[in-house]
Amino acid sequence: MSQRNNFTRRKLLKGAAGALAVPYFVPASALGQEDWIAPSERITLGFIGIGNMGGNHLRNFLGNKEVQIVAVCDVKSDVRKKSRERVEKHYADLREAGQFKGCDEYNEFEKLLARDDIDAIVMAPPDHWHAIIAIEAAKAGKDIYCEKPMTLTIREAWAMVDSMRRYGRVFQTGSQQRSADNFRKACELVQSGRIGKLQTVNVGIGGPSSERYLPEEPIPEGFDWDRWLGPAPWQPYNAERCSGNYGGGWRLIRDYSGGMMTDWGAHHFDIAQWGMGMDGSGPVEIIPPVDKEHDKLTYKYASGVTMYRDGANGVLFTGTDGKIEVNRGYFKTWPDEIGEEPLGPNDVHLYDSKNHKKDWLDCIRARRRPICDVEIGASSVTVCHLGNIAYWTGRPLKWDPDKKEIIGDQEASRWLDRPKRAPWRL
């Protein structure tokens, strides 16, 4: 790989200020070598946050011949050491010599982002870190795959939209249900009018996060606890506070996440918004369960559609002429004929992605927006956060989806963002 060609390719990637139509890479298939990807054509990746989901992403991308993983970053020394060793062993096994040293490990994400030889990052730290790391990555000219939920606050979400647009970055939110056929089909049928006029949407997810007061425990050796906290308020170390276990740990603590409202809401509210055709927008009123008339979290849209958080199997769309319910590995319509008749050429055909990560890589090469672009992720997580704010304040909210403002409620508006512990800021 010549330095000149490598420099030109990377300079073009980093200098792309908008969505460009012409890819900068020549696919190996054009050279008649389907199974071979030249080093100069691989997208170089750095990983930030490689615990539960980050580790899963690392293993997935290791099997992709389009990329080369060159750096890993985590605040736990044992995690980043094992991840680096996993990467180097994988690439060594592919070489005749059986040796490979070409993956660096970092405690500080800033050092990884400073490398000019990294094209893109895959990030999966706790939610309270997403906005700061993503915006710094955009400034550094990196494209981004960001695990959901996209942010800790509403203001962070739309600041990320502004940054990705300003620096021309390709950003994929990890709400991967958009890349599943059954979810896309459900949304296409709804938008094509197969259930008549849409009236209600029911979404089955868990509840909000809350404050947790946990006793101090000794900090494990090799764990940078202060950096794990980062912009969040200082708290003494406790293993439960930073546990990545699903259904517990930091996901249920308000300083770091929005609970199951954002964790699963970033999937199911995302599909609800897609089916309603509300990407980039949102509801106009949010009502928490405050009385017999409103016994569940309720969202009202300007279109007249009402959305409820309740016990649906995933997402249930109800119209004047039928229903569609969809979840992972599940798809049902009432009546059956709604789902049996194929879509015609005049029906709505939505973005068709068969693989969420591949879609991101394809869009990096083509310099276009992926299926779950930053603005889609921002509008979906805004729905999640608004539900949490309604729960936390215990009263209805009026929302302006164009100005991104809570109307006439200064106290509730304080939840649109959070103070950040010095020296961290957007």
Foldseek 3Di string as FASTA:
>chain_A
DDPVLLVVQLCCLQQDLAFFFAFPADDVVVVVDNPDDDPSQAAEEEEEACDDVNVVVLVVCLPPRRHQYQEYEALFVVRRVVSQVVRQQSVLVVDPVSGGDGYYYYHDVVVVLQDSSHAAYEYDAFQACQLQSLLSSLVSRHAYEYEPLRHLFLVSLVVSVVSCNRSLHAYFYNLCVLQDPQLQLLLLLLQQQLQHAWAEKEFEWDAWAEADDDDADDDDPRGPVCVSCAFFDDDHDDCQCCDPDPPGHVCRHSSGHTHRLGVCLLHQLLSVCSSVVNQLFAFFKWFDCQDPVRNFIWTHHPVNYIYTHDHAQRMWIHHPRWIWGDDVVDTQIVVRVSSVDDDDPPTDRADHHNGRVVQSVVCSRRSRYGPCGSSSSSRSSLNSQQSSLCVVVVGMWGADGVVRATPPDVVSRVRNDDGTDPPDDD
